[in-house]
Amino acid sequence: MYYVNLYQTTKCYGGPEEGGWYYEEGVYHSCEGAYSNEKEAKKKAHRIQFLQKDLSLLLPPSEREHRKFAIKVQECPGENYPQPDALENYRLTGLGIPHWLTDPPCYDYK
């Protein structure tokens, strides 16, 4: 099953290590459809992509620079990312957060 999930994303400061690093935080907003065929799911995501700029108008002007909406085709239902417990484990060890941890749990629509 392929889910077309809508997220509100924010660029977050992760820490000063190696000159500073940022990660994307995604708050699950809604599922815009579930499809048995990946091609159909990507078609739906592509149609929604045209609305993305209009969706940003729902945000207050002061937040539009830092918050955006993202449409992702995933093989699992949407959920917030990164998960707080995984993020905290990496902060405690002093390591930078690897790219795979900040990505949603499945794959993104491209």
C-alpha atoms as a PDB file:
ATOM      1  CA  MET A   1       0.000   0.000   0.000  1.00  0.00           C
ATOM      2  CA  TYR A   2       1.297   3.500  -0.871  1.00  0.00           C
ATOM      3  CA  TYR A   3       0.180   6.488   1.195  1.00  0.00           C
ATOM      4  CA  VAL A   4       0.205  10.106   0.031  1.00  0.00           C
ATOM      5  CA  ASN A   5       1.002  11.946   3.265  1.00  0.00           C
ATOM      6  CA  LEU A   6       1.014  15.677   3.901  1.00  0.00           C
ATOM      7  CA  TYR A   7       3.469  17.080   6.457  1.00  0.00           C
ATOM      8  CA  GLN A   8       4.156  20.524   7.871  1.00  0.00           C
ATOM      9  CA  THR A   9       7.949  20.776   8.006  1.00  0.00           C
ATOM     10  CA  THR A  10      10.272  23.035   9.952  1.00  0.00           C
ATOM     11  CA  LYS A  11      14.037  23.517   9.701  1.00  0.00           C
ATOM     12  CA  CYS A  12      15.468  23.032  13.213  1.00  0.00           C
ATOM     13  CA  TYR A  13      18.878  23.835  14.655  1.00  0.00           C
ATOM     14  CA  GLY A  14      20.521  20.655  15.922  1.00  0.00           C
ATOM     15  CA  GLY A  15      23.649  21.971  17.613  1.00  0.00           C
ATOM     16  CA  PRO A  16      27.013  23.690  17.184  1.00  0.00           C
ATOM     17  CA  GLU A  17      29.016  20.549  16.279  1.00  0.00           C
ATOM     18  CA  GLU A  18      31.096  20.810  13.095  1.00  0.00           C
ATOM     19  CA  GLY A  19      30.093  24.410  12.488  1.00  0.00           C
ATOM     20  CA  GLY A  20      26.426  23.843  13.270  1.00  0.00           C
ATOM     21  CA  TRP A  21      23.893  21.475  11.758  1.00  0.00           C
ATOM     22  CA  TYR A  22      20.194  21.502  11.008  1.00  0.00           C
ATOM     23  CA  TYR A  23      17.554  18.872  10.544  1.00  0.00           C
ATOM     24  CA  GLU A  24      14.007  18.789   9.215  1.00  0.00           C
ATOM     25  CA  GLU A  25      11.176  18.173  11.625  1.00  0.00           C
ATOM     26  CA  GLY A  26       7.972  16.896  10.059  1.00  0.00           C
ATOM     27  CA  VAL A  27       4.577  17.072  11.728  1.00  0.00           C
ATOM     28  CA  TYR A  28       2.096  14.698  10.146  1.00  0.00           C
ATOM     29  CA  HIS A  29      -0.907  16.627   8.873  1.00  0.00           C
ATOM     30  CA  SER A  30      -3.064  14.213   6.873  1.00  0.00           C
ATOM     31  CA  CYS A  31      -3.210  11.276   4.495  1.00  0.00           C
ATOM     32  CA  GLU A  32      -4.470  12.403   1.094  1.00  0.00           C
ATOM     33  CA  GLY A  33      -5.053   8.862  -0.156  1.00  0.00           C
ATOM     34  CA  ALA A  34      -3.916   5.248  -0.042  1.00  0.00           C
ATOM     35  CA  TYR A  35      -3.174   3.368  -3.259  1.00  0.00           C
ATOM     36  CA  SER A  36      -2.187  -0.189  -4.103  1.00  0.00           C
ATOM     37  CA  ASN A  37      -0.225   1.125  -7.096  1.00  0.00           C
ATOM     38  CA  GLU A  38       2.853   3.365  -6.618  1.00  0.00           C
ATOM     39  CA  LYS A  39       2.296   5.072  -9.973  1.00  0.00           C
ATOM     40  CA  GLU A  40      -1.215   6.181  -8.971  1.00  0.00           C
ATOM     41  CA  ALA A  41       0.066   7.449  -5.615  1.00  0.00           C
ATOM     42  CA  LYS A  42       2.754   9.523  -7.358  1.00  0.00           C
ATOM     43  CA  LYS A  43       0.139  10.963  -9.745  1.00  0.00           C
ATOM     44  CA  LYS A  44      -1.948  12.088  -6.769  1.00  0.00           C
ATOM     45  CA  ALA A  45       1.133  13.580  -5.067  1.00  0.00           C
ATOM     46  CA  HIS A  46       2.012  15.420  -8.268  1.00  0.00           C
ATOM     47  CA  ARG A  47      -1.498  16.943  -8.462  1.00  0.00           C
ATOM     48  CA  ILE A  48      -1.272  18.064  -4.828  1.00  0.00           C
ATOM     49  CA  GLN A  49       2.178  19.562  -5.457  1.00  0.00           C
ATOM     50  CA  PHE A  50       0.524  22.380  -7.417  1.00  0.00           C
ATOM     51  CA  LEU A  51      -1.436  23.329  -4.294  1.00  0.00           C
ATOM     52  CA  GLN A  52       1.613  23.433  -2.038  1.00  0.00           C
ATOM     53  CA  LYS A  53       2.228  27.175  -2.443  1.00  0.00           C
ATOM     54  CA  ASP A  54      -1.434  27.887  -1.731  1.00  0.00           C
ATOM     55  CA  LEU A  55      -1.267  25.726   1.407  1.00  0.00           C
ATOM     56  CA  SER A  56       1.634  27.847   2.656  1.00  0.00           C
ATOM     57  CA  LEU A  57      -0.689  30.844   2.634  1.00  0.00           C
ATOM     58  CA  LEU A  58      -2.530  29.241   5.548  1.00  0.00           C
ATOM     59  CA  LEU A  59       0.514  29.958   7.716  1.00  0.00           C
ATOM     60  CA  PRO A  60       1.095  33.359   9.349  1.00  0.00           C
ATOM     61  CA  PRO A  61       3.541  35.446   7.238  1.00  0.00           C
ATOM     62  CA  SER A  62       6.185  35.314   9.982  1.00  0.00           C
ATOM     63  CA  GLU A  63       6.268  31.490   9.780  1.00  0.00           C
ATOM     64  CA  ARG A  64       6.301  31.020   5.990  1.00  0.00           C
ATOM     65  CA  GLU A  65      10.093  31.234   5.718  1.00  0.00           C
ATOM     66  CA  HIS A  66      10.733  28.443   8.237  1.00  0.00           C
ATOM     67  CA  ARG A  67       7.678  26.219   7.831  1.00  0.00           C
ATOM     68  CA  LYS A  68       6.623  24.492   4.659  1.00  0.00           C
ATOM     69  CA  PHE A  69       4.297  21.735   3.557  1.00  0.00           C
ATOM     70  CA  ALA A  70       5.751  18.535   2.127  1.00  0.00           C
ATOM     71  CA  ILE A  71       3.936  15.805   0.222  1.00  0.00           C
ATOM     72  CA  LYS A  72       5.477  12.355   0.535  1.00  0.00           C
ATOM     73  CA  VAL A  73       4.587   9.004  -1.020  1.00  0.00           C
ATOM     74  CA  GLN A  74       5.375   6.386   1.601  1.00  0.00           C
ATOM     75  CA  GLU A  75       4.819   2.679   2.122  1.00  0.00           C
ATOM     76  CA  CYS A  76       3.488   3.290   5.632  1.00  0.00           C
ATOM     77  CA  PRO A  77       0.947   5.604   7.287  1.00  0.00           C
ATOM     78  CA  GLY A  78       2.312   9.046   8.108  1.00  0.00           C
ATOM     79  CA  GLU A  79       3.874   9.913  11.452  1.00  0.00           C
ATOM     80  CA  ASN A  80       5.870  12.771  12.932  1.00  0.00           C
ATOM     81  CA  TYR A  81       9.622  12.650  12.336  1.00  0.00           C
ATOM     82  CA  PRO A  82      12.238  12.399  13.622  1.00  0.00           C
ATOM     83  CA  GLN A  83      10.985  10.392  16.592  1.00  0.00           C
ATOM     84  CA  PRO A  84      11.880  12.226  19.849  1.00  0.00           C
ATOM     85  CA  ASP A  85      13.530   9.223  21.522  1.00  0.00           C
ATOM     86  CA  ALA A  86      15.844   8.590  18.538  1.00  0.00           C
ATOM     87  CA  LEU A  87      16.785  12.270  18.372  1.00  0.00           C
ATOM     88  CA  GLU A  88      17.535  12.404  22.115  1.00  0.00           C
ATOM     89  CA  ASN A  89      19.774   9.306  21.959  1.00  0.00           C
ATOM     90  CA  TYR A  90      22.029  11.046  19.433  1.00  0.00           C
ATOM     91  CA  ARG A  91      22.102  14.298  21.389  1.00  0.00           C
ATOM     92  CA  LEU A  92      23.216  12.394  24.507  1.00  0.00           C
ATOM     93  CA  THR A  93      26.129  10.752  22.711  1.00  0.00           C
ATOM     94  CA  GLY A  94      27.323  14.056  21.257  1.00  0.00           C
ATOM     95  CA  LEU A  95      27.218  12.688  17.714  1.00  0.00           C
ATOM     96  CA  GLY A  96      25.694  14.560  14.826  1.00  0.00           C
ATOM     97  CA  ILE A  97      22.377  13.170  13.662  1.00  0.00           C
ATOM     98  CA  PRO A  98      22.797  11.001  10.562  1.00  0.00           C
ATOM     99  CA  HIS A  99      20.731  11.803   7.494  1.00  0.00           C
ATOM    100  CA  TRP A 100      18.797   8.522   7.675  1.00  0.00           C
ATOM    101  CA  LEU A 101      17.481   9.411  11.130  1.00  0.00           C
ATOM    102  CA  THR A 102      15.970  12.728  10.090  1.00  0.00           C
ATOM    103  CA  ASP A 103      14.258  11.293   7.019  1.00  0.00           C
ATOM    104  CA  PRO A 104      10.727   9.976   7.315  1.00  0.00           C
ATOM    105  CA  PRO A 105      10.558   6.250   8.058  1.00  0.00           C
ATOM    106  CA  CYS A 106       9.832   5.355   4.432  1.00  0.00           C
ATOM    107  CA  TYR A 107      10.849   6.962   1.156  1.00  0.00           C
ATOM    108  CA  ASP A 108      10.001  10.394  -0.236  1.00  0.00           C
ATOM    109  CA  TYR A 109       8.136  11.328  -3.384  1.00  0.00           C
ATOM    110  CA  LYS A 110      10.546  12.736  -5.950  1.00  0.00           C
END
